[in-house]
PDB file of N, CA and C in Angstrom:
ATOM      1  N   MET A   1      -0.521  -9.429 -25.570  1.00  0.00           N
ATOM      2  CA  MET A   1      -0.993  -8.545 -24.525  1.00  0.00           C
ATOM      3  C   MET A   1      -0.723  -7.114 -24.959  1.00  0.00           C
ATOM      4  N   PRO A   2      -1.705  -6.215 -24.876  1.00  0.00           N
ATOM      5  CA  PRO A   2      -1.497  -4.839 -25.308  1.00  0.00           C
ATOM      6  C   PRO A   2      -0.522  -4.111 -24.389  1.00  0.00           C
ATOM      7  N   VAL A   3       0.232  -3.209 -24.989  1.00  0.00           N
ATOM      8  CA  VAL A   3       1.191  -2.413 -24.226  1.00  0.00           C
ATOM      9  C   VAL A   3       0.432  -1.274 -23.554  1.00  0.00           C
ATOM     10  N   PRO A   4       0.519  -1.144 -22.214  1.00  0.00           N
ATOM     11  CA  PRO A   4      -0.197  -0.053 -21.556  1.00  0.00           C
ATOM     12  C   PRO A   4       0.464   1.286 -21.866  1.00  0.00           C
ATOM     13  N   GLU A   5      -0.354   2.284 -22.094  1.00  0.00           N
ATOM     14  CA  GLU A   5       0.170   3.625 -22.298  1.00  0.00           C
ATOM     15  C   GLU A   5       0.517   4.205 -20.929  1.00  0.00           C
ATOM     16  N   LEU A   6       1.677   4.803 -20.832  1.00  0.00           N
ATOM     17  CA  LEU A   6       2.069   5.431 -19.579  1.00  0.00           C
ATOM     18  C   LEU A   6       1.299   6.736 -19.428  1.00  0.00           C
ATOM     19  N   ALA A   7       0.761   6.960 -18.242  1.00  0.00           N
ATOM     20  CA  ALA A   7      -0.057   8.146 -17.989  1.00  0.00           C
ATOM     21  C   ALA A   7       0.837   9.354 -17.735  1.00  0.00           C
ATOM     22  N   SER A   8       0.285  10.531 -17.985  1.00  0.00           N
ATOM     23  CA  SER A   8       1.045  11.748 -17.694  1.00  0.00           C
ATOM     24  C   SER A   8       1.103  11.953 -16.182  1.00  0.00           C
ATOM     25  N   LEU A   9       2.091  12.695 -15.743  1.00  0.00           N
ATOM     26  CA  LEU A   9       2.281  12.939 -14.317  1.00  0.00           C
ATOM     27  C   LEU A   9       1.076  13.644 -13.705  1.00  0.00           C
ATOM     28  N   ASP A  10       0.581  14.698 -14.362  1.00  0.00           N
ATOM     29  CA  ASP A  10      -0.567  15.448 -13.822  1.00  0.00           C
ATOM     30  C   ASP A  10      -1.810  14.570 -13.712  1.00  0.00           C
ATOM     31  N   GLU A  11      -2.035  13.748 -14.723  1.00  0.00           N
ATOM     32  CA  GLU A  11      -3.203  12.867 -14.727  1.00  0.00           C
ATOM     33  C   GLU A  11      -3.125  11.841 -13.587  1.00  0.00           C
ATOM     34  N   MET A  12      -1.956  11.242 -13.385  1.00  0.00           N
ATOM     35  CA  MET A  12      -1.812  10.239 -12.319  1.00  0.00           C
ATOM     36  C   MET A  12      -1.903  10.868 -10.938  1.00  0.00           C
ATOM     37  N   VAL A  13      -1.301  12.037 -10.756  1.00  0.00           N
ATOM     38  CA  VAL A  13      -1.379  12.701  -9.453  1.00  0.00           C
ATOM     39  C   VAL A  13      -2.827  13.019  -9.124  1.00  0.00           C
ATOM     40  N   ASP A  14      -3.593  13.482 -10.101  1.00  0.00           N
ATOM     41  CA  ASP A  14      -5.012  13.767  -9.885  1.00  0.00           C
ATOM     42  C   ASP A  14      -5.769  12.503  -9.482  1.00  0.00           C
ATOM     43  N   ARG A  15      -5.537  11.409 -10.200  1.00  0.00           N
ATOM     44  CA  ARG A  15      -6.217  10.134  -9.869  1.00  0.00           C
ATOM     45  C   ARG A  15      -5.858   9.666  -8.468  1.00  0.00           C
ATOM     46  N   LEU A  16      -4.572   9.689  -8.140  1.00  0.00           N
ATOM     47  CA  LEU A  16      -4.122   9.185  -6.842  1.00  0.00           C
ATOM     48  C   LEU A  16      -4.656  10.044  -5.704  1.00  0.00           C
ATOM     49  N   GLU A  17      -4.675  11.359  -5.878  1.00  0.00           N
ATOM     50  CA  GLU A  17      -5.230  12.227  -4.839  1.00  0.00           C
ATOM     51  C   GLU A  17      -6.711  11.944  -4.627  1.00  0.00           C
ATOM     52  N   ARG A  18      -7.457  11.746  -5.706  1.00  0.00           N
ATOM     53  CA  ARG A  18      -8.885  11.453  -5.584  1.00  0.00           C
ATOM     54  C   ARG A  18      -9.120  10.141  -4.853  1.00  0.00           C
ATOM     55  N   VAL A  19      -8.313   9.130  -5.156  1.00  0.00           N
ATOM     56  CA  VAL A  19      -8.477   7.821  -4.513  1.00  0.00           C
ATOM     57  C   VAL A  19      -8.139   7.902  -3.029  1.00  0.00           C
ATOM     58  N   VAL A  20      -7.052   8.584  -2.683  1.00  0.00           N
ATOM     59  CA  VAL A  20      -6.661   8.700  -1.276  1.00  0.00           C
ATOM     60  C   VAL A  20      -7.714   9.489  -0.496  1.00  0.00           C
ATOM     61  N   GLU A  21      -8.229  10.582  -1.071  1.00  0.00           N
ATOM     62  CA  GLU A  21      -9.240  11.391  -0.391  1.00  0.00           C
ATOM     63  C   GLU A  21     -10.551  10.634  -0.184  1.00  0.00           C
ATOM     64  N   SER A  22     -10.911   9.768  -1.110  1.00  0.00           N
ATOM     65  CA  SER A  22     -12.185   9.058  -0.996  1.00  0.00           C
ATOM     66  C   SER A  22     -12.082   7.745  -0.224  1.00  0.00           C
ATOM     67  N   SER A  23     -10.888   7.375   0.193  1.00  0.00           N
ATOM     68  CA  SER A  23     -10.705   6.105   0.907  1.00  0.00           C
ATOM     69  C   SER A  23     -11.354   6.160   2.291  1.00  0.00           C
ATOM     70  N   PRO A  24     -12.115   5.130   2.660  1.00  0.00           N
ATOM     71  CA  PRO A  24     -12.728   5.098   3.986  1.00  0.00           C
ATOM     72  C   PRO A  24     -11.787   4.605   5.087  1.00  0.00           C
ATOM     73  N   ALA A  25     -10.573   4.201   4.737  1.00  0.00           N
ATOM     74  CA  ALA A  25      -9.626   3.669   5.721  1.00  0.00           C
ATOM     75  C   ALA A  25      -9.103   4.783   6.624  1.00  0.00           C
ATOM     76  N   ASP A  26      -8.550   4.389   7.785  1.00  0.00           N
ATOM     77  CA  ASP A  26      -7.947   5.360   8.701  1.00  0.00           C
ATOM     78  C   ASP A  26      -6.759   6.058   8.039  1.00  0.00           C
ATOM     79  N   ALA A  27      -5.969   5.326   7.267  1.00  0.00           N
ATOM     80  CA  ALA A  27      -4.831   5.884   6.532  1.00  0.00           C
ATOM     81  C   ALA A  27      -4.691   5.116   5.225  1.00  0.00           C
ATOM     82  N   THR A  28      -4.329   5.816   4.168  1.00  0.00           N
ATOM     83  CA  THR A  28      -4.174   5.192   2.848  1.00  0.00           C
ATOM     84  C   THR A  28      -2.896   5.709   2.210  1.00  0.00           C
ATOM     85  N   GLU A  29      -2.125   4.780   1.659  1.00  0.00           N
ATOM     86  CA  GLU A  29      -0.872   5.124   0.983  1.00  0.00           C
ATOM     87  C   GLU A  29      -0.863   4.435  -0.376  1.00  0.00           C
ATOM     88  N   VAL A  30      -0.535   5.175  -1.431  1.00  0.00           N
ATOM     89  CA  VAL A  30      -0.467   4.609  -2.776  1.00  0.00           C
ATOM     90  C   VAL A  30       0.926   4.855  -3.329  1.00  0.00           C
ATOM     91  N   THR A  31       1.544   3.803  -3.852  1.00  0.00           N
ATOM     92  CA  THR A  31       2.846   3.912  -4.500  1.00  0.00           C
ATOM     93  C   THR A  31       2.652   3.587  -5.974  1.00  0.00           C
ATOM     94  N   TRP A  32       3.105   4.492  -6.834  1.00  0.00           N
ATOM     95  CA  TRP A  32       2.927   4.353  -8.285  1.00  0.00           C
ATOM     96  C   TRP A  32       4.298   4.223  -8.931  1.00  0.00           C
ATOM     97  N   ILE A  33       4.497   3.150  -9.689  1.00  0.00           N
ATOM     98  CA  ILE A  33       5.768   2.899 -10.367  1.00  0.00           C
ATOM     99  C   ILE A  33       5.470   2.616 -11.832  1.00  0.00           C
ATOM    100  N   GLU A  34       6.072   3.382 -12.725  1.00  0.00           N
ATOM    101  CA  GLU A  34       5.971   3.118 -14.155  1.00  0.00           C
ATOM    102  C   GLU A  34       7.388   3.090 -14.711  1.00  0.00           C
ATOM    103  N   ALA A  35       7.623   2.166 -15.634  1.00  0.00           N
ATOM    104  CA  ALA A  35       8.955   2.031 -16.210  1.00  0.00           C
ATOM    105  C   ALA A  35       8.849   1.639 -17.673  1.00  0.00           C
ATOM    106  N   VAL A  36       9.832   2.053 -18.435  1.00  0.00           N
ATOM    107  CA  VAL A  36       9.977   1.632 -19.815  1.00  0.00           C
ATOM    108  C   VAL A  36      11.327   0.939 -19.891  1.00  0.00           C
ATOM    109  N   ARG A  37      11.315  -0.305 -20.311  1.00  0.00           N
ATOM    110  CA  ARG A  37      12.558  -1.079 -20.415  1.00  0.00           C
ATOM    111  C   ARG A  37      12.859  -1.324 -21.883  1.00  0.00           C
ATOM    112  N   HIS A  38      14.086  -1.077 -22.247  1.00  0.00           N
ATOM    113  CA  HIS A  38      14.546  -1.299 -23.611  1.00  0.00           C
ATOM    114  C   HIS A  38      15.512  -2.467 -23.608  1.00  0.00           C
ATOM    115  N   LEU A  39      15.415  -3.308 -24.627  1.00  0.00           N
ATOM    116  CA  LEU A  39      16.325  -4.439 -24.761  1.00  0.00           C
ATOM    117  C   LEU A  39      16.761  -4.511 -26.212  1.00  0.00           C
ATOM    118  N   ALA A  40      18.041  -4.652 -26.401  1.00  0.00           N
ATOM    119  CA  ALA A  40      18.580  -4.794 -27.750  1.00  0.00           C
ATOM    120  C   ALA A  40      19.539  -5.976 -27.754  1.00  0.00           C
ATOM    121  N   SER A  41      19.419  -6.783 -28.783  1.00  0.00           N
ATOM    122  CA  SER A  41      20.352  -7.894 -28.925  1.00  0.00           C
ATOM    123  C   SER A  41      21.035  -7.767 -30.280  1.00  0.00           C
ATOM    124  N   ASN A  42      22.235  -8.218 -30.333  1.00  0.00           N
ATOM    125  CA  ASN A  42      23.009  -8.107 -31.555  1.00  0.00           C
ATOM    126  C   ASN A  42      23.568  -9.489 -31.884  1.00  0.00           C
ATOM    127  N   GLY A  43      22.689 -10.352 -32.364  1.00  0.00           N
ATOM    128  CA  GLY A  43      23.097 -11.716 -32.684  1.00  0.00           C
ATOM    129  C   GLY A  43      23.716 -11.799 -34.073  1.00  0.00           C
ATOM    130  N   LYS A  44      24.221 -12.983 -34.409  1.00  0.00           N
ATOM    131  CA  LYS A  44      24.853 -13.180 -35.711  1.00  0.00           C
ATOM    132  C   LYS A  44      23.848 -13.022 -36.850  1.00  0.00           C
ATOM    133  N   ARG A  45      22.676 -13.573 -36.668  1.00  0.00           N
ATOM    134  CA  ARG A  45      21.728 -13.621 -37.786  1.00  0.00           C
ATOM    135  C   ARG A  45      20.685 -12.526 -37.764  1.00  0.00           C
ATOM    136  N   ARG A  46      20.390 -12.015 -36.577  1.00  0.00           N
ATOM    137  CA  ARG A  46      19.379 -10.957 -36.561  1.00  0.00           C
ATOM    138  C   ARG A  46      19.623 -10.013 -35.402  1.00  0.00           C
ATOM    139  N   ARG A  47      19.126  -8.840 -35.579  1.00  0.00           N
ATOM    140  CA  ARG A  47      19.273  -7.801 -34.564  1.00  0.00           C
ATOM    141  C   ARG A  47      17.877  -7.449 -34.061  1.00  0.00           C
ATOM    142  N   ASP A  48      17.649  -7.584 -32.742  1.00  0.00           N
ATOM    143  CA  ASP A  48      16.333  -7.313 -32.150  1.00  0.00           C
ATOM    144  C   ASP A  48      16.426  -6.115 -31.216  1.00  0.00           C
ATOM    145  N   THR A  49      15.406  -5.304 -31.266  1.00  0.00           N
ATOM    146  CA  THR A  49      15.265  -4.204 -30.330  1.00  0.00           C
ATOM    147  C   THR A  49      13.786  -4.106 -29.991  1.00  0.00           C
ATOM    148  N   PHE A  50      13.487  -4.074 -28.703  1.00  0.00           N
ATOM    149  CA  PHE A  50      12.089  -3.879 -28.323  1.00  0.00           C
ATOM    150  C   PHE A  50      11.999  -3.121 -27.012  1.00  0.00           C
ATOM    151  N   GLU A  51      10.798  -2.666 -26.749  1.00  0.00           N
ATOM    152  CA  GLU A  51      10.512  -1.846 -25.581  1.00  0.00           C
ATOM    153  C   GLU A  51       9.390  -2.505 -24.792  1.00  0.00           C
ATOM    154  N   ARG A  52       9.543  -2.534 -23.478  1.00  0.00           N
ATOM    155  CA  ARG A  52       8.497  -3.087 -22.611  1.00  0.00           C
ATOM    156  C   ARG A  52       8.115  -2.034 -21.578  1.00  0.00           C
ATOM    157  N   ARG A  53       6.828  -1.783 -21.463  1.00  0.00           N
ATOM    158  CA  ARG A  53       6.320  -0.811 -20.498  1.00  0.00           C
ATOM    159  C   ARG A  53       5.689  -1.563 -19.332  1.00  0.00           C
ATOM    160  N   GLU A  54       5.946  -1.069 -18.145  1.00  0.00           N
ATOM    161  CA  GLU A  54       5.422  -1.711 -16.937  1.00  0.00           C
ATOM    162  C   GLU A  54       4.799  -0.659 -16.034  1.00  0.00           C
ATOM    163  N   ARG A  55       3.736  -1.062 -15.370  1.00  0.00           N
ATOM    164  CA  ARG A  55       3.083  -0.198 -14.389  1.00  0.00           C
ATOM    165  C   ARG A  55       2.724  -1.056 -13.181  1.00  0.00           C
ATOM    166  N   THR A  56       3.044  -0.557 -11.996  1.00  0.00           N
ATOM    167  CA  THR A  56       2.676  -1.235 -10.759  1.00  0.00           C
ATOM    168  C   THR A  56       2.194  -0.192  -9.764  1.00  0.00           C
ATOM    169  N   LEU A  57       1.068  -0.472  -9.145  1.00  0.00           N
ATOM    170  CA  LEU A  57       0.546   0.388  -8.085  1.00  0.00           C
ATOM    171  C   LEU A  57       0.339  -0.458  -6.837  1.00  0.00           C
ATOM    172  N   TYR A  58       0.884   0.017  -5.725  1.00  0.00           N
ATOM    173  CA  TYR A  58       0.690  -0.626  -4.431  1.00  0.00           C
ATOM    174  C   TYR A  58      -0.221   0.263  -3.601  1.00  0.00           C
ATOM    175  N   VAL A  59      -1.239  -0.337  -3.014  1.00  0.00           N
ATOM    176  CA  VAL A  59      -2.156   0.394  -2.130  1.00  0.00           C
ATOM    177  C   VAL A  59      -2.048  -0.239  -0.756  1.00  0.00           C
ATOM    178  N   ARG A  60      -1.690   0.579   0.240  1.00  0.00           N
ATOM    179  CA  ARG A  60      -1.598   0.097   1.625  1.00  0.00           C
ATOM    180  C   ARG A  60      -2.533   0.928   2.479  1.00  0.00           C
ATOM    181  N   VAL A  61      -3.337   0.249   3.281  1.00  0.00           N
ATOM    182  CA  VAL A  61      -4.285   0.937   4.157  1.00  0.00           C
ATOM    183  C   VAL A  61      -4.079   0.492   5.593  1.00  0.00           C
ATOM    184  N   ARG A  62      -4.475   1.369   6.529  1.00  0.00           N
ATOM    185  CA  ARG A  62      -4.523   1.046   7.956  1.00  0.00           C
ATOM    186  C   ARG A  62      -5.967   1.211   8.388  1.00  0.00           C
ATOM    187  N   GLU A  63      -6.472   0.196   9.036  1.00  0.00           N
ATOM    188  CA  GLU A  63      -7.855   0.213   9.518  1.00  0.00           C
ATOM    189  C   GLU A  63      -7.865  -0.384  10.916  1.00  0.00           C
ATOM    190  N   ARG A  64      -8.133   0.443  11.927  1.00  0.00           N
ATOM    191  CA  ARG A  64      -8.184   0.003  13.324  1.00  0.00           C
ATOM    192  C   ARG A  64      -6.928  -0.767  13.726  1.00  0.00           C
ATOM    193  N   GLY A  65      -5.768  -0.253  13.339  1.00  0.00           N
ATOM    194  CA  GLY A  65      -4.501  -0.877  13.731  1.00  0.00           C
ATOM    195  C   GLY A  65      -4.073  -2.043  12.859  1.00  0.00           C
ATOM    196  N   ARG A  66      -4.838  -2.362  11.853  1.00  0.00           N
ATOM    197  CA  ARG A  66      -4.515  -3.482  10.963  1.00  0.00           C
ATOM    198  C   ARG A  66      -4.090  -2.943   9.601  1.00  0.00           C
ATOM    199  N   THR A  67      -3.188  -3.661   8.945  1.00  0.00           N
ATOM    200  CA  THR A  67      -2.675  -3.227   7.645  1.00  0.00           C
ATOM    201  C   THR A  67      -3.139  -4.167   6.552  1.00  0.00           C
ATOM    202  N   GLY A  68      -3.518  -3.584   5.413  1.00  0.00           N
ATOM    203  CA  GLY A  68      -3.866  -4.358   4.227  1.00  0.00           C
ATOM    204  C   GLY A  68      -3.094  -3.817   3.035  1.00  0.00           C
ATOM    205  N   LEU A  69      -2.713  -4.704   2.113  1.00  0.00           N
ATOM    206  CA  LEU A  69      -1.921  -4.310   0.953  1.00  0.00           C
ATOM    207  C   LEU A  69      -2.494  -4.970  -0.294  1.00  0.00           C
ATOM    208  N   HIS A  70      -2.544  -4.204  -1.383  1.00  0.00           N
ATOM    209  CA  HIS A  70      -2.984  -4.757  -2.663  1.00  0.00           C
ATOM    210  C   HIS A  70      -2.096  -4.192  -3.764  1.00  0.00           C
ATOM    211  N   ARG A  71      -1.761  -5.037  -4.743  1.00  0.00           N
ATOM    212  CA  ARG A  71      -0.935  -4.623  -5.878  1.00  0.00           C
ATOM    213  C   ARG A  71      -1.734  -4.803  -7.156  1.00  0.00           C
ATOM    214  N   THR A  72      -1.645  -3.823  -8.056  1.00  0.00           N
ATOM    215  CA  THR A  72      -2.340  -3.905  -9.328  1.00  0.00           C
ATOM    216  C   THR A  72      -1.481  -3.289 -10.418  1.00  0.00           C
ATOM    217  N   GLY A  73      -1.788  -3.622 -11.645  1.00  0.00           N
ATOM    218  CA  GLY A  73      -1.111  -3.033 -12.786  1.00  0.00           C
ATOM    219  C   GLY A  73      -2.005  -2.078 -13.540  1.00  0.00           C
ATOM    220  N   MET A  74      -3.210  -1.855 -13.041  1.00  0.00           N
ATOM    221  CA  MET A  74      -4.188  -0.992 -13.711  1.00  0.00           C
ATOM    222  C   MET A  74      -4.224   0.366 -13.014  1.00  0.00           C
ATOM    223  N   ALA A  75      -4.483   1.431 -13.778  1.00  0.00           N
ATOM    224  CA  ALA A  75      -4.432   2.769 -13.197  1.00  0.00           C
ATOM    225  C   ALA A  75      -5.694   3.589 -13.432  1.00  0.00           C
ATOM    226  N   GLY A  76      -6.793   2.969 -13.854  1.00  0.00           N
ATOM    227  CA  GLY A  76      -8.047   3.695 -13.993  1.00  0.00           C
ATOM    228  C   GLY A  76      -8.642   3.992 -12.629  1.00  0.00           C
ATOM    229  N   LEU A  77      -9.532   4.984 -12.553  1.00  0.00           N
ATOM    230  CA  LEU A  77     -10.134   5.327 -11.260  1.00  0.00           C
ATOM    231  C   LEU A  77     -10.879   4.150 -10.648  1.00  0.00           C
ATOM    232  N   ALA A  78     -11.637   3.434 -11.452  1.00  0.00           N
ATOM    233  CA  ALA A  78     -12.373   2.267 -10.937  1.00  0.00           C
ATOM    234  C   ALA A  78     -11.406   1.188 -10.451  1.00  0.00           C
ATOM    235  N   ASP A  79     -10.295   0.995 -11.165  1.00  0.00           N
ATOM    236  CA  ASP A  79      -9.300   0.000 -10.752  1.00  0.00           C
ATOM    237  C   ASP A  79      -8.641   0.393  -9.438  1.00  0.00           C
ATOM    238  N   LEU A  80      -8.360   1.681  -9.274  1.00  0.00           N
ATOM    239  CA  LEU A  80      -7.746   2.148  -8.029  1.00  0.00           C
ATOM    240  C   LEU A  80      -8.717   2.046  -6.856  1.00  0.00           C
ATOM    241  N   ASP A  81      -9.991   2.358  -7.093  1.00  0.00           N
ATOM    242  CA  ASP A  81     -11.003   2.190  -6.037  1.00  0.00           C
ATOM    243  C   ASP A  81     -11.118   0.725  -5.632  1.00  0.00           C
ATOM    244  N   LEU A  82     -11.076  -0.161  -6.611  1.00  0.00           N
ATOM    245  CA  LEU A  82     -11.118  -1.595  -6.322  1.00  0.00           C
ATOM    246  C   LEU A  82      -9.896  -2.024  -5.519  1.00  0.00           C
ATOM    247  N   ALA A  83      -8.728  -1.492  -5.856  1.00  0.00           N
ATOM    248  CA  ALA A  83      -7.509  -1.827  -5.116  1.00  0.00           C
ATOM    249  C   ALA A  83      -7.617  -1.387  -3.660  1.00  0.00           C
ATOM    250  N   VAL A  84      -8.198  -0.206  -3.414  1.00  0.00           N
ATOM    251  CA  VAL A  84      -8.396   0.261  -2.034  1.00  0.00           C
ATOM    252  C   VAL A  84      -9.355  -0.669  -1.299  1.00  0.00           C
ATOM    253  N   ARG A  85     -10.450  -1.058  -1.961  1.00  0.00           N
ATOM    254  CA  ARG A  85     -11.411  -1.975  -1.322  1.00  0.00           C
ATOM    255  C   ARG A  85     -10.774  -3.331  -1.011  1.00  0.00           C
ATOM    256  N   GLN A  86      -9.943  -3.829  -1.924  1.00  0.00           N
ATOM    257  CA  GLN A  86      -9.266  -5.114  -1.688  1.00  0.00           C
ATOM    258  C   GLN A  86      -8.305  -5.007  -0.502  1.00  0.00           C
ATOM    259  N   ALA A  87      -7.531  -3.932  -0.442  1.00  0.00           N
ATOM    260  CA  ALA A  87      -6.599  -3.735   0.674  1.00  0.00           C
ATOM    261  C   ALA A  87      -7.359  -3.584   1.991  1.00  0.00           C
ATOM    262  N   LEU A  88      -8.483  -2.875   1.946  1.00  0.00           N
ATOM    263  CA  LEU A  88      -9.310  -2.690   3.142  1.00  0.00           C
ATOM    264  C   LEU A  88      -9.887  -4.020   3.617  1.00  0.00           C
ATOM    265  N   ALA A  89     -10.337  -4.846   2.688  1.00  0.00           N
ATOM    266  CA  ALA A  89     -10.859  -6.168   3.054  1.00  0.00           C
ATOM    267  C   ALA A  89      -9.764  -7.012   3.683  1.00  0.00           C
ATOM    268  N   GLN A  90      -8.562  -6.945   3.130  1.00  0.00           N
ATOM    269  CA  GLN A  90      -7.453  -7.704   3.704  1.00  0.00           C
ATOM    270  C   GLN A  90      -7.132  -7.205   5.117  1.00  0.00           C
ATOM    271  N   ALA A  91      -7.149  -5.888   5.308  1.00  0.00           N
ATOM    272  CA  ALA A  91      -6.872  -5.337   6.639  1.00  0.00           C
ATOM    273  C   ALA A  91      -7.917  -5.792   7.649  1.00  0.00           C
ATOM    274  N   ARG A  92      -9.161  -5.827   7.238  1.00  0.00           N
ATOM    275  CA  ARG A  92     -10.233  -6.222   8.156  1.00  0.00           C
ATOM    276  C   ARG A  92     -10.177  -7.709   8.502  1.00  0.00           C
ATOM    277  N   MET A  93      -9.590  -8.506   7.623  1.00  0.00           N
ATOM    278  CA  MET A  93      -9.482  -9.950   7.874  1.00  0.00           C
ATOM    279  C   MET A  93      -8.225 -10.315   8.660  1.00  0.00           C
ATOM    280  N   THR A  94      -7.286  -9.386   8.781  1.00  0.00           N
ATOM    281  CA  THR A  94      -6.043  -9.636   9.504  1.00  0.00           C
ATOM    282  C   THR A  94      -6.325  -9.662  11.002  1.00  0.00           C
ATOM    283  N   PRO A  95      -5.727 -10.605  11.735  1.00  0.00           N
ATOM    284  CA  PRO A  95      -5.925 -10.622  13.186  1.00  0.00           C
ATOM    285  C   PRO A  95      -5.413  -9.338  13.837  1.00  0.00           C
ATOM    286  N   GLN A  96      -5.985  -9.012  14.997  1.00  0.00           N
ATOM    287  CA  GLN A  96      -5.545  -7.828  15.735  1.00  0.00           C
ATOM    288  C   GLN A  96      -4.059  -7.959  16.046  1.00  0.00           C
ATOM    289  N   PRO A  97      -3.304  -6.852  15.965  1.00  0.00           N
ATOM    290  CA  PRO A  97      -1.890  -6.919  16.323  1.00  0.00           C
ATOM    291  C   PRO A  97      -1.721  -7.238  17.799  1.00  0.00           C
ATOM    292  N   LEU A  98      -0.600  -7.866  18.119  1.00  0.00           N
ATOM    293  CA  LEU A  98      -0.311  -8.196  19.518  1.00  0.00           C
ATOM    294  C   LEU A  98      -0.057  -6.918  20.306  1.00  0.00           C
ATOM    295  N   GLY A  99      -0.140  -7.026  21.589  1.00  0.00           N
ATOM    296  CA  GLY A  99       0.138  -5.865  22.428  1.00  0.00           C
ATOM    297  C   GLY A  99      -1.148  -5.215  22.871  1.00  0.00           C
ATOM    298  N   ASN A 100      -1.319  -3.982  22.491  1.00  0.00           N
ATOM    299  CA  ASN A 100      -2.432  -3.184  22.982  1.00  0.00           C
ATOM    300  C   ASN A 100      -3.642  -3.242  22.067  1.00  0.00           C
ATOM    301  N   GLY A 101      -3.697  -4.220  21.159  1.00  0.00           N
ATOM    302  CA  GLY A 101      -4.857  -4.379  20.299  1.00  0.00           C
ATOM    303  C   GLY A 101      -5.023  -3.255  19.295  1.00  0.00           C
ATOM    304  N   GLY A 102      -3.926  -2.597  18.918  1.00  0.00           N
ATOM    305  CA  GLY A 102      -4.009  -1.533  17.941  1.00  0.00           C
ATOM    306  C   GLY A 102      -4.463  -0.201  18.514  1.00  0.00           C
ATOM    307  N   ARG A 103      -4.682  -0.161  19.837  1.00  0.00           N
ATOM    308  CA  ARG A 103      -5.107   1.093  20.475  1.00  0.00           C
ATOM    309  C   ARG A 103      -3.887   1.836  21.001  1.00  0.00           C
ATOM    310  N   PRO A 104      -3.995   3.157  21.176  1.00  0.00           N
ATOM    311  CA  PRO A 104      -2.865   3.903  21.737  1.00  0.00           C
ATOM    312  C   PRO A 104      -2.601   3.494  23.183  1.00  0.00           C
ATOM    313  N   ALA A 105      -1.391   3.720  23.629  1.00  0.00           N
ATOM    314  CA  ALA A 105      -1.018   3.382  25.007  1.00  0.00           C
ATOM    315  C   ALA A 105      -1.860   4.200  25.978  1.00  0.00           C
ATOM    316  N   PRO A 106      -2.154   3.653  27.167  1.00  0.00           N
ATOM    317  CA  PRO A 106      -2.966   4.395  28.133  1.00  0.00           C
ATOM    318  C   PRO A 106      -2.260   5.676  28.572  1.00  0.00           C
ATOM    319  N   ALA A 107      -3.051   6.697  28.831  1.00  0.00           N
ATOM    320  CA  ALA A 107      -2.508   7.984  29.269  1.00  0.00           C
ATOM    321  C   ALA A 107      -1.989   7.861  30.695  1.00  0.00           C
ATOM    322  N   PRO A 108      -1.007   8.687  31.065  1.00  0.00           N
ATOM    323  CA  PRO A 108      -0.507   8.660  32.451  1.00  0.00           C
ATOM    324  C   PRO A 108      -1.615   9.030  33.435  1.00  0.00           C
ATOM    325  N   ALA A 109      -1.463   8.573  34.663  1.00  0.00           N
ATOM    326  CA  ALA A 109      -2.438   8.871  35.718  1.00  0.00           C
ATOM    327  C   ALA A 109      -2.446  10.374  35.990  1.00  0.00           C
ATOM    328  N   ALA A 110      -3.462  10.839  36.729  1.00  0.00           N
ATOM    329  CA  ALA A 110      -3.635  12.268  36.991  1.00  0.00           C
ATOM    330  C   ALA A 110      -2.404  12.891  37.649  1.00  0.00           C
ATOM    331  N   GLY A 111      -1.678  12.152  38.446  1.00  0.00           N
ATOM    332  CA  GLY A 111      -0.492  12.668  39.134  1.00  0.00           C
ATOM    333  C   GLY A 111       0.707  12.794  38.213  1.00  0.00           C
ATOM    334  N   GLY A 112       0.580  12.402  36.952  1.00  0.00           N
ATOM    335  CA  GLY A 112       1.686  12.520  36.012  1.00  0.00           C
ATOM    336  C   GLY A 112       2.577  11.301  35.965  1.00  0.00           C
ATOM    337  N   THR A 113       2.244  10.266  36.724  1.00  0.00           N
ATOM    338  CA  THR A 113       3.059   9.053  36.703  1.00  0.00           C
ATOM    339  C   THR A 113       2.414   8.042  35.768  1.00  0.00           C
ATOM    340  N   PRO A 114       3.210   7.295  35.058  1.00  0.00           N
ATOM    341  CA  PRO A 114       2.641   6.293  34.147  1.00  0.00           C
ATOM    342  C   PRO A 114       1.979   5.160  34.928  1.00  0.00           C
ATOM    343  N   PRO A 115       1.104   4.381  34.292  1.00  0.00           N
ATOM    344  CA  PRO A 115       0.467   3.270  34.981  1.00  0.00           C
ATOM    345  C   PRO A 115       1.523   2.274  35.480  1.00  0.00           C
ATOM    346  N   ALA A 116       1.191   1.593  36.563  1.00  0.00           N
ATOM    347  CA  ALA A 116       2.129   0.646  37.155  1.00  0.00           C
ATOM    348  C   ALA A 116       2.347  -0.537  36.240  1.00  0.00           C
ATOM    349  N   GLU A 117       3.578  -1.034  36.213  1.00  0.00           N
ATOM    350  CA  GLU A 117       3.923  -2.227  35.445  1.00  0.00           C
ATOM    351  C   GLU A 117       3.374  -3.454  36.185  1.00  0.00           C
ATOM    352  N   PRO A 118       2.968  -4.504  35.462  1.00  0.00           N
ATOM    353  CA  PRO A 118       2.537  -5.716  36.161  1.00  0.00           C
ATOM    354  C   PRO A 118       3.724  -6.337  36.897  1.00  0.00           C
ATOM    355  N   PRO A 119       3.460  -7.007  38.010  1.00  0.00           N
ATOM    356  CA  PRO A 119       4.566  -7.583  38.800  1.00  0.00           C
ATOM    357  C   PRO A 119       5.273  -8.671  37.980  1.00  0.00           C
ATOM    358  N   GLN A 120       6.586  -8.736  38.159  1.00  0.00           N
ATOM    359  CA  GLN A 120       7.391  -9.748  37.469  1.00  0.00           C
ATOM    360  C   GLN A 120       7.369 -11.034  38.296  1.00  0.00           C
ATOM    361  N   VAL A 121       7.142 -12.151  37.633  1.00  0.00           N
ATOM    362  CA  VAL A 121       7.107 -13.447  38.305  1.00  0.00           C
ATOM    363  C   VAL A 121       8.483 -14.085  38.152  1.00  0.00           C
ATOM    364  N   PRO A 122       9.143 -14.418  39.268  1.00  0.00           N
ATOM    365  CA  PRO A 122      10.476 -15.038  39.159  1.00  0.00           C
ATOM    366  C   PRO A 122      10.357 -16.432  38.529  1.00  0.00           C
ATOM    367  N   VAL A 123      11.310 -16.768  37.688  1.00  0.00           N
ATOM    368  CA  VAL A 123      11.342 -18.059  37.026  1.00  0.00           C
ATOM    369  C   VAL A 123      12.403 -18.917  37.706  1.00  0.00           C
ATOM    370  N   GLY A 124      12.029 -20.148  38.011  1.00  0.00           N
ATOM    371  CA  GLY A 124      13.015 -21.101  38.503  1.00  0.00           C
ATOM    372  C   GLY A 124      13.080 -21.199  39.923  1.00  0.00           C
TER     373      GLY A 124
END
């Protein structure tokens, strides 16, 4: 498997800003993690040293009160756009959240008092 080249900070910030700005979701969040791991062993017969590069991008979107998440290891613009579309599809397939259906709470009545609570039913 080829070792991915780690992108420069300016290049990644530009890509991520473009993806977030072009996202059709109500809210879009991208987390970018890149790491270089070094491992060295000092055995009796041979000495090994190698480097492993890792890249992970998490894309989380909110669409009408629903959340979608997608993880990828690719950082090209087309790959990031695909990750947003995948997260958006997941959000759209997620059932509506419990409670108010993802909508904001109702506004207080004209007199400034909040809406009445439903009556409590005694148990037992």
